[in-house]
Amino acid sequence: MSPGRPNERYWLRDVTVVLVLFALSLAGQRWLRGQPPAAPREAGALVLLLASLYFVHALLAGQRLRADQRVLPLVGLLGGLGLLLNLRLSPADEPWSMVRWLLGPLGALTLILGLGLTRQALRRDGDWGWLAGPAALGVLWAVLLRGMSFRGAQYGPGLTTPTELLKPLIVVFLAWFLSRPRTSLVASALVVGVGLGLLVGLVRQGDLGMLMILGGLGLSLMFLRTAQSRWLMMGLGAGALVAMVLMFGGTELLPNVAHKAQVRVQAWLNPWADIDGYGYQTAQALFAAHAGGLDGAGLGAGQAELVPLVRSDFIWAALCEELGLLGCALLLLAYWGLFARGARIATRASSGFGQALATGCVTVLVVQTLLNIGGVVRLCPVTGITLPFVSQGGSSWLVCFMLIGMLLAVDHEEPAAGWAGGEQERVS
């Protein structure tokens, strides 16, 4: 193995040990229940994921990448746990379960793709970043007009969600706009046009979670550019206005979207009022989370599969039941560590474009995490947003890996002033 990036290699080794212990725990639970302990699905998926992580590490070391060495192991820990839990919760005869074997290699490829494209963009100072905005509009409206309908939403071929690409595309687009030394009228008009097109398209799609993610992204980057709290207040006010329109004024124009928003708010405020109806999902998730107690039932020993959509929207309920409060606290520490490393990357970037890129990537992951966990524990309405690296959802998984690649590219290409590059490794 390449001698470069030694700390990353040591931490990957530790992550491997932890994930193998998780897999052995699943096998032990099966044995206690009288089931065959061997699970080729989990073993195969875990081996491919770990092999992919070590491949990425070897590639980064071979390229002498100076980026943060703790990011990849943290992603591997979260992704490995999510992969094992999703396969454990999947029916044995599910036709798509074997496809998850490929998530590790595909995640590695998208990370490398995000890394390579972002390095090129940083060297050009994001000159072509304006194209990302129209591209995001094209993706969204292509899905709206030509996608296949399922559960009241539009999807791509094979029930994929191409709209996940909006996250990195809008990150690049806003980073380009906010890093310009002078903002022209044409650039401002382009941003307004793209923003309105996304707002109309996402409302029509009923994708309120994506709307909240992109809204939080815009607010954070605008605050980064201006350091003025008024933009935060204006953004929050605009979000509240859109929510009020959907709740009370959208019944005639968009009855399906308005009904979905109203039901989710009612389930958030009082799921017990209709526990067999609109409050069923939230109530079952709360029951599962409470059942875990302090130390949990053990990985593979819970009954979280009784919760609707437990592998996507309510994966946190399964984690609470099987890992308990202590296990979830450790998992939150892993997320916090990842976000903190991303924030450090953003603060030490040497250009406005690189700083905005890194801030945007971290913001997307933070908002997505808060919305998913908050929806389970009733801090906010359920938004249908997945938990990064853990929830089921191949498109979301790949986009999250792409965002990590973008972060690593910023850290490599734009070291802070005074930092010595070359052969030296960035270990902090």
Protein backbone atom coordinates (compact mmCIF):
# COMPACT_ATOMS: atom_id res chain seq x y z
CA MET A 1 0.00 0.00 0.00
CA SER A 2 1.20 3.52 -0.72
CA PRO A 3 3.15 5.10 2.15
CA GLY A 4 1.29 8.40 1.71
CA ARG A 5 -1.57 9.55 3.95
CA PRO A 6 -0.60 7.25 6.88
CA ASN A 7 -3.19 8.57 9.34
CA GLU A 8 -5.98 7.90 6.88
CA ARG A 9 -4.76 4.34 6.49
CA TYR A 10 -4.70 3.76 10.26
CA TRP A 11 -8.19 5.18 10.72
CA LEU A 12 -9.52 3.08 7.84
CA ARG A 13 -8.11 0.04 9.59
CA ASP A 14 -9.99 0.98 12.77
CA VAL A 15 -13.19 1.54 10.78
CA THR A 16 -12.77 -1.90 9.23
CA VAL A 17 -12.57 -3.49 12.68
CA VAL A 18 -15.70 -1.67 13.86
CA LEU A 19 -17.72 -2.65 10.79
CA VAL A 20 -16.61 -6.28 11.03
CA LEU A 21 -17.78 -6.30 14.66
CA PHE A 22 -21.15 -4.92 13.53
CA ALA A 23 -21.39 -7.69 10.92
CA LEU A 24 -20.53 -10.33 13.54
CA SER A 25 -23.23 -8.88 15.80
CA LEU A 26 -25.78 -9.36 13.02
CA ALA A 27 -24.61 -12.94 12.53
CA GLY A 28 -24.86 -13.60 16.28
CA GLN A 29 -28.41 -12.29 16.43
CA ARG A 30 -29.40 -14.60 13.58
CA TRP A 31 -27.83 -17.56 15.34
CA LEU A 32 -29.74 -16.76 18.56
CA ARG A 33 -32.98 -16.70 16.58
CA GLY A 34 -32.26 -20.07 15.02
CA GLN A 35 -31.51 -18.58 11.60
CA PRO A 36 -28.44 -19.24 9.45
CA PRO A 37 -25.79 -16.84 10.78
CA ALA A 38 -24.07 -16.40 7.42
CA ALA A 39 -25.51 -13.58 5.33
CA PRO A 40 -23.89 -13.36 1.88
CA ARG A 41 -25.69 -10.09 1.17
CA GLU A 42 -24.17 -8.23 4.11
CA ALA A 43 -20.76 -9.86 3.78
CA GLY A 44 -20.48 -9.18 0.05
CA ALA A 45 -21.66 -5.59 0.31
CA LEU A 46 -19.32 -4.87 3.24
CA VAL A 47 -16.29 -6.40 1.51
CA LEU A 48 -16.92 -4.37 -1.64
CA LEU A 49 -17.41 -1.17 0.34
CA LEU A 50 -14.19 -1.65 2.31
CA ALA A 51 -12.28 -2.56 -0.85
CA SER A 52 -13.61 0.60 -2.49
CA LEU A 53 -12.53 2.76 0.46
CA TYR A 54 -9.02 1.32 0.40
CA PHE A 55 -8.90 1.83 -3.37
CA VAL A 56 -9.81 5.51 -2.94
CA HIS A 57 -7.19 5.81 -0.19
CA ALA A 58 -4.52 4.28 -2.42
CA LEU A 59 -5.49 6.61 -5.26
CA LEU A 60 -5.36 9.70 -3.04
CA ALA A 61 -2.02 8.62 -1.60
CA GLY A 62 -0.62 7.93 -5.06
CA GLN A 63 -1.69 11.40 -6.18
CA ARG A 64 -0.13 12.89 -3.02
CA LEU A 65 -3.41 14.56 -2.16
CA ARG A 66 -2.94 17.02 0.69
CA ALA A 67 -6.58 16.90 1.80
CA ASP A 68 -7.87 16.10 5.28
CA GLN A 69 -7.15 12.49 6.24
CA ARG A 70 -10.08 11.99 8.63
CA VAL A 71 -12.90 12.61 6.17
CA LEU A 72 -12.76 9.31 4.27
CA PRO A 73 -12.70 7.07 7.40
CA LEU A 74 -15.70 8.92 8.88
CA VAL A 75 -17.62 8.49 5.63
CA GLY A 76 -16.68 4.81 5.59
CA LEU A 77 -17.96 4.31 9.14
CA LEU A 78 -21.32 5.95 8.42
CA GLY A 79 -21.71 4.29 5.03
CA GLY A 80 -20.78 0.84 6.28
CA LEU A 81 -23.23 0.97 9.17
CA GLY A 82 -25.97 2.25 6.88
CA LEU A 83 -25.32 -0.48 4.33
CA LEU A 84 -25.45 -3.24 6.95
CA LEU A 85 -28.62 -1.88 8.54
CA ASN A 86 -30.41 -1.45 5.23
CA LEU A 87 -29.60 -4.97 4.12
CA ARG A 88 -30.69 -6.30 7.51
CA LEU A 89 -34.05 -4.53 7.17
CA SER A 90 -34.56 -5.64 3.56
CA PRO A 91 -36.71 -8.70 2.81
CA ALA A 92 -34.62 -11.72 1.87
CA ASP A 93 -36.36 -12.03 -1.49
CA GLU A 94 -36.19 -8.35 -2.42
CA PRO A 95 -35.03 -8.24 -6.07
CA TRP A 96 -33.03 -5.02 -5.64
CA SER A 97 -31.11 -6.07 -2.52
CA MET A 98 -28.17 -7.48 -4.47
CA VAL A 99 -27.82 -4.17 -6.33
CA ARG A 100 -26.66 -2.65 -3.05
CA TRP A 101 -23.46 -4.63 -3.45
CA LEU A 102 -22.51 -2.03 -6.04
CA LEU A 103 -23.08 0.99 -3.82
CA GLY A 104 -19.55 0.87 -2.43
CA PRO A 105 -17.77 0.84 -5.81
CA LEU A 106 -20.21 3.36 -7.28
CA GLY A 107 -19.79 5.65 -4.28
CA ALA A 108 -16.02 5.51 -4.73
CA LEU A 109 -16.35 6.36 -8.42
CA THR A 110 -18.60 9.36 -7.77
CA LEU A 111 -16.22 10.59 -5.05
CA ILE A 112 -13.35 10.41 -7.54
CA LEU A 113 -15.51 12.12 -10.18
CA GLY A 114 -16.42 14.96 -7.83
CA LEU A 115 -12.77 15.27 -6.82
CA GLY A 116 -11.49 15.46 -10.39
CA LEU A 117 -14.12 17.86 -11.73
CA THR A 118 -13.78 20.19 -8.75
CA ARG A 119 -9.99 20.32 -9.05
CA GLN A 120 -10.37 21.44 -12.65
CA ALA A 121 -13.00 24.02 -11.69
CA LEU A 122 -10.81 25.42 -8.92
CA ARG A 123 -7.88 25.84 -11.28
CA ARG A 124 -10.15 27.89 -13.56
CA ASP A 125 -11.62 29.76 -10.57
CA GLY A 126 -15.09 28.45 -11.43
CA ASP A 127 -15.34 30.32 -14.74
CA TRP A 128 -17.87 27.82 -16.10
CA GLY A 129 -19.85 27.53 -12.90
CA TRP A 130 -22.73 29.53 -14.35
CA LEU A 131 -23.64 26.50 -16.47
CA ALA A 132 -24.56 24.52 -13.35
CA GLY A 133 -27.69 26.62 -12.73
CA PRO A 134 -29.35 25.99 -16.12
CA ALA A 135 -28.22 22.36 -15.88
CA ALA A 136 -30.04 22.00 -12.55
CA LEU A 137 -33.18 23.49 -14.09
CA GLY A 138 -32.90 21.08 -17.00
CA VAL A 139 -32.61 18.06 -14.70
CA LEU A 140 -35.58 19.13 -12.57
CA TRP A 141 -37.95 19.92 -15.41
CA ALA A 142 -36.92 16.86 -17.43
CA VAL A 143 -37.95 14.69 -14.48
CA LEU A 144 -41.18 16.66 -14.04
CA LEU A 145 -42.18 16.44 -17.69
CA ARG A 146 -40.79 13.04 -18.70
CA GLY A 147 -40.38 11.13 -15.43
CA MET A 148 -42.45 8.23 -14.17
CA SER A 149 -45.05 8.84 -11.46
CA PHE A 150 -44.84 6.91 -8.18
CA ARG A 151 -46.41 7.77 -4.81
CA GLY A 152 -47.40 11.21 -6.02
CA ALA A 153 -43.92 12.22 -7.24
CA GLN A 154 -41.91 12.01 -10.45
CA TYR A 155 -38.87 9.73 -10.71
CA GLY A 156 -36.28 8.82 -13.28
CA PRO A 157 -35.76 5.40 -14.90
CA GLY A 158 -35.81 2.57 -12.36
CA LEU A 159 -37.31 4.87 -9.71
CA THR A 160 -34.03 6.76 -9.45
CA THR A 161 -34.09 10.38 -8.28
CA PRO A 162 -32.04 12.49 -10.71
CA THR A 163 -33.15 15.59 -8.80
CA GLU A 164 -30.50 14.68 -6.20
CA LEU A 165 -28.06 16.22 -8.69
CA LEU A 166 -29.55 19.59 -7.84
CA LYS A 167 -27.47 19.61 -4.65
CA PRO A 168 -23.96 19.68 -6.19
CA LEU A 169 -25.12 21.69 -9.20
CA ILE A 170 -26.61 24.49 -7.10
CA VAL A 171 -23.58 24.44 -4.80
CA VAL A 172 -21.34 25.10 -7.83
CA PHE A 173 -23.74 27.67 -9.30
CA LEU A 174 -24.05 29.74 -6.13
CA ALA A 175 -20.32 29.46 -5.43
CA TRP A 176 -19.65 30.89 -8.90
CA PHE A 177 -22.08 33.76 -8.39
CA LEU A 178 -20.99 34.72 -4.88
CA SER A 179 -17.26 34.53 -5.64
CA ARG A 180 -17.39 37.05 -8.51
CA PRO A 181 -15.60 40.30 -7.61
CA ARG A 182 -18.31 42.27 -9.39
CA THR A 183 -21.87 41.09 -9.86
CA SER A 184 -23.28 42.00 -13.26
CA LEU A 185 -26.93 42.53 -14.05
CA VAL A 186 -26.90 39.48 -16.34
CA ALA A 187 -25.51 37.24 -13.58
CA SER A 188 -28.08 38.53 -11.09
CA ALA A 189 -30.89 37.94 -13.58
CA LEU A 190 -29.61 34.40 -14.18
CA VAL A 191 -29.64 33.64 -10.45
CA VAL A 192 -33.15 35.03 -10.04
CA GLY A 193 -34.40 33.06 -13.04
CA VAL A 194 -32.84 29.81 -11.86
CA GLY A 195 -34.19 30.37 -8.35
CA LEU A 196 -37.73 30.97 -9.56
CA GLY A 197 -37.56 27.98 -11.90
CA LEU A 198 -36.41 25.73 -9.06
CA LEU A 199 -39.06 27.09 -6.69
CA VAL A 200 -41.90 26.47 -9.15
CA GLY A 201 -40.56 23.06 -10.16
CA LEU A 202 -39.97 21.77 -6.62
CA VAL A 203 -43.36 23.01 -5.42
CA ARG A 204 -45.02 21.34 -8.38
CA GLN A 205 -43.07 18.17 -7.64
CA GLY A 206 -44.04 18.41 -3.98
CA ASP A 207 -40.40 17.94 -2.98
CA LEU A 208 -40.51 20.15 0.09
CA GLY A 209 -37.39 18.56 1.58
CA MET A 210 -35.23 19.50 -1.40
CA LEU A 211 -36.73 22.98 -1.28
CA MET A 212 -35.63 23.32 2.35
CA ILE A 213 -32.13 22.03 1.60
CA LEU A 214 -31.60 24.46 -1.27
CA GLY A 215 -33.11 27.27 0.79
CA GLY A 216 -30.70 26.57 3.65
CA LEU A 217 -27.85 26.39 1.16
CA GLY A 218 -28.70 29.79 -0.31
CA LEU A 219 -29.03 31.38 3.12
CA SER A 220 -25.71 30.04 4.39
CA LEU A 221 -23.78 31.13 1.30
CA MET A 222 -25.40 34.56 1.26
CA PHE A 223 -24.49 35.02 4.91
CA LEU A 224 -20.93 33.90 4.09
CA ARG A 225 -20.72 36.56 1.38
CA THR A 226 -22.28 39.47 3.28
CA ALA A 227 -21.92 38.56 7.00
CA GLN A 228 -25.23 40.37 7.49
CA SER A 229 -27.96 38.74 9.56
CA ARG A 230 -30.67 40.53 7.59
CA TRP A 231 -30.25 38.00 4.79
CA LEU A 232 -30.99 35.21 7.23
CA MET A 233 -34.10 36.99 8.45
CA MET A 234 -35.26 37.72 4.89
CA GLY A 235 -34.69 34.11 3.88
CA LEU A 236 -36.53 32.73 6.88
CA GLY A 237 -39.39 35.13 6.21
CA ALA A 238 -39.57 34.04 2.58
CA GLY A 239 -39.58 30.40 3.64
CA ALA A 240 -42.37 31.03 6.12
CA LEU A 241 -44.35 32.83 3.41
CA VAL A 242 -43.99 29.91 0.99
CA ALA A 243 -45.06 27.49 3.75
CA MET A 244 -48.13 29.59 4.55
CA VAL A 245 -49.10 29.77 0.89
CA LEU A 246 -48.79 26.00 0.54
CA MET A 247 -50.70 25.34 3.73
CA PHE A 248 -53.59 27.74 3.27
CA GLY A 249 -53.52 29.19 -0.23
CA GLY A 250 -52.35 26.28 -2.33
CA THR A 251 -55.43 24.10 -1.96
CA GLU A 252 -56.96 25.39 -5.18
CA LEU A 253 -53.79 25.61 -7.28
CA LEU A 254 -51.91 22.51 -6.07
CA PRO A 255 -54.32 20.40 -4.04
CA ASN A 256 -52.07 17.33 -3.82
CA VAL A 257 -49.03 19.30 -2.66
CA ALA A 258 -51.06 21.38 -0.19
CA HIS A 259 -52.68 18.25 1.24
CA LYS A 260 -49.29 16.56 1.68
CA ALA A 261 -47.92 19.60 3.50
CA GLN A 262 -50.97 19.87 5.76
CA VAL A 263 -50.87 16.18 6.68
CA ARG A 264 -47.17 16.32 7.55
CA VAL A 265 -47.64 19.36 9.75
CA GLN A 266 -50.59 17.72 11.53
CA ALA A 267 -48.55 14.54 12.10
CA TRP A 268 -45.74 16.67 13.49
CA LEU A 269 -47.90 18.70 15.85
CA ASN A 270 -50.04 15.85 17.19
CA PRO A 271 -49.60 12.36 15.74
CA TRP A 272 -51.73 10.91 18.56
CA ALA A 273 -54.88 12.62 17.27
CA ASP A 274 -55.08 10.10 14.41
CA ILE A 275 -52.64 7.36 15.31
CA ASP A 276 -54.14 4.95 12.76
CA GLY A 277 -54.17 7.58 10.01
CA TYR A 278 -51.85 10.47 9.27
CA GLY A 279 -49.98 10.04 12.57
CA TYR A 280 -49.21 6.34 12.11
CA GLN A 281 -45.68 6.68 10.69
CA THR A 282 -44.54 9.25 13.22
CA ALA A 283 -46.07 7.35 16.15
CA GLN A 284 -44.47 4.04 15.13
CA ALA A 285 -41.10 5.75 14.72
CA LEU A 286 -41.39 7.23 18.22
CA PHE A 287 -42.34 3.84 19.67
CA ALA A 288 -39.30 2.22 18.04
CA ALA A 289 -36.94 4.98 19.19
CA HIS A 290 -38.26 4.75 22.76
CA ALA A 291 -37.92 0.95 22.80
CA GLY A 292 -34.15 1.20 22.38
CA GLY A 293 -33.61 2.75 25.78
CA LEU A 294 -30.09 3.61 26.84
CA ASP A 295 -28.08 0.76 25.31
CA GLY A 296 -30.42 -0.56 22.59
CA ALA A 297 -31.64 -4.01 21.70
CA GLY A 298 -28.51 -4.81 19.70
CA LEU A 299 -27.85 -4.57 15.98
CA GLY A 300 -30.24 -6.96 14.29
CA ALA A 301 -32.36 -7.58 17.41
CA GLY A 302 -34.94 -4.82 16.98
CA GLN A 303 -38.28 -4.82 15.21
CA ALA A 304 -37.90 -1.52 13.38
CA GLU A 305 -39.06 -3.15 10.15
CA LEU A 306 -42.59 -2.58 11.47
CA VAL A 307 -42.09 1.18 10.95
CA PRO A 308 -43.22 2.33 7.48
CA LEU A 309 -40.38 3.62 5.28
CA VAL A 310 -37.89 2.65 7.98
CA ARG A 311 -35.03 2.27 5.51
CA SER A 312 -35.34 5.81 4.17
CA ASP A 313 -37.28 8.49 6.05
CA PHE A 314 -37.24 6.77 9.46
CA ILE A 315 -33.85 5.04 9.53
CA TRP A 316 -32.99 6.99 12.69
CA ALA A 317 -35.79 5.17 14.52
CA ALA A 318 -34.14 1.84 13.68
CA LEU A 319 -30.78 3.14 14.89
CA CYS A 320 -32.33 4.31 18.17
CA GLU A 321 -33.99 0.96 18.78
CA GLU A 322 -30.97 -1.20 17.99
CA LEU A 323 -28.08 1.00 19.17
CA GLY A 324 -29.85 2.88 21.95
CA LEU A 325 -29.21 6.40 23.17
CA LEU A 326 -25.51 5.76 23.69
CA GLY A 327 -24.98 4.30 20.22
CA CYS A 328 -26.87 7.15 18.56
CA ALA A 329 -24.84 9.67 20.56
CA LEU A 330 -21.66 8.11 19.18
CA LEU A 331 -23.13 8.21 15.69
CA LEU A 332 -23.95 11.90 16.12
CA LEU A 333 -20.34 12.43 17.17
CA ALA A 334 -19.24 10.84 13.90
CA TYR A 335 -21.49 13.21 11.97
CA TRP A 336 -20.24 16.14 14.02
CA GLY A 337 -16.65 15.12 13.29
CA LEU A 338 -17.35 14.98 9.56
CA PHE A 339 -19.08 18.36 9.55
CA ALA A 340 -16.33 19.91 11.67
CA ARG A 341 -13.66 18.70 9.24
CA GLY A 342 -15.69 20.15 6.38
CA ALA A 343 -16.01 23.48 8.17
CA ARG A 344 -12.24 23.57 8.70
CA ILE A 345 -11.73 22.92 5.02
CA ALA A 346 -14.01 25.86 4.19
CA THR A 347 -12.29 28.26 6.59
CA ARG A 348 -8.79 27.53 5.29
CA ALA A 349 -9.66 27.76 1.58
CA SER A 350 -7.67 30.53 -0.07
CA SER A 351 -10.22 31.76 -2.64
CA GLY A 352 -13.82 32.87 -2.47
CA PHE A 353 -14.90 30.18 -4.91
CA GLY A 354 -13.25 27.38 -2.94
CA GLN A 355 -14.61 28.66 0.34
CA ALA A 356 -18.14 28.89 -1.05
CA LEU A 357 -17.87 25.40 -2.56
CA ALA A 358 -16.78 23.82 0.72
CA THR A 359 -19.36 25.74 2.73
CA GLY A 360 -22.10 24.67 0.33
CA CYS A 361 -21.13 20.99 0.50
CA VAL A 362 -21.10 21.01 4.30
CA THR A 363 -24.38 22.94 4.48
CA VAL A 364 -26.18 20.42 2.28
CA LEU A 365 -25.02 17.50 4.45
CA VAL A 366 -25.82 19.31 7.72
CA VAL A 367 -29.32 20.42 6.68
CA GLN A 368 -30.09 16.97 5.28
CA THR A 369 -29.02 15.31 8.54
CA LEU A 370 -31.01 17.72 10.72
CA LEU A 371 -34.16 17.36 8.62
CA ASN A 372 -34.06 13.56 8.70
CA ILE A 373 -33.35 13.18 12.42
CA GLY A 374 -35.64 16.08 13.31
CA GLY A 375 -38.51 14.46 11.43
CA VAL A 376 -38.12 11.23 13.40
CA VAL A 377 -37.95 12.85 16.85
CA ARG A 378 -40.61 15.49 16.06
CA LEU A 379 -38.36 18.53 15.99
CA CYS A 380 -39.76 19.33 12.55
CA PRO A 381 -42.26 17.80 10.10
CA VAL A 382 -41.19 14.76 8.09
CA THR A 383 -39.71 15.97 4.80
CA GLY A 384 -38.87 12.72 3.01
CA ILE A 385 -35.15 13.55 3.16
CA THR A 386 -32.69 10.69 3.61
CA LEU A 387 -29.98 10.49 6.27
CA PRO A 388 -26.59 11.01 4.55
CA PHE A 389 -24.63 7.79 3.96
CA VAL A 390 -27.07 5.75 6.08
CA SER A 391 -30.58 5.78 4.59
CA GLN A 392 -31.68 3.73 1.63
CA GLY A 393 -31.49 5.67 -1.62
CA GLY A 394 -28.83 5.03 -4.22
CA SER A 395 -29.05 8.47 -5.82
CA SER A 396 -28.67 10.25 -2.48
CA TRP A 397 -25.79 7.94 -1.50
CA LEU A 398 -23.88 8.73 -4.70
CA VAL A 399 -24.46 12.48 -4.46
CA CYS A 400 -23.23 12.51 -0.85
CA PHE A 401 -20.02 10.81 -1.96
CA MET A 402 -19.67 13.38 -4.74
CA LEU A 403 -19.96 16.19 -2.19
CA ILE A 404 -17.17 14.56 -0.17
CA GLY A 405 -15.00 14.44 -3.28
CA MET A 406 -15.65 18.15 -3.82
CA LEU A 407 -14.61 18.89 -0.24
CA LEU A 408 -11.36 16.95 -0.60
CA ALA A 409 -10.59 18.78 -3.85
CA VAL A 410 -10.98 22.17 -2.17
CA ASP A 411 -8.69 21.12 0.67
CA HIS A 412 -6.01 19.93 -1.76
CA GLU A 413 -6.10 22.75 -4.29
CA GLU A 414 -6.51 25.66 -1.89
CA PRO A 415 -4.36 25.25 1.24
CA ALA A 416 -4.42 28.09 3.72
CA ALA A 417 -1.80 30.78 3.47
CA GLY A 418 1.41 29.72 5.17
CA TRP A 419 0.72 26.00 4.92
CA ALA A 420 3.64 24.07 3.43
CA GLY A 421 2.52 21.75 0.67
CA GLY A 422 4.61 19.43 -1.42
CA GLU A 423 5.58 16.25 0.33
CA GLN A 424 4.03 17.22 3.65
CA GLU A 425 0.81 15.51 4.64
CA ARG A 426 -2.16 17.41 6.01
CA VAL A 427 -3.08 15.58 9.18
CA SER A 428 -4.88 18.19 11.24
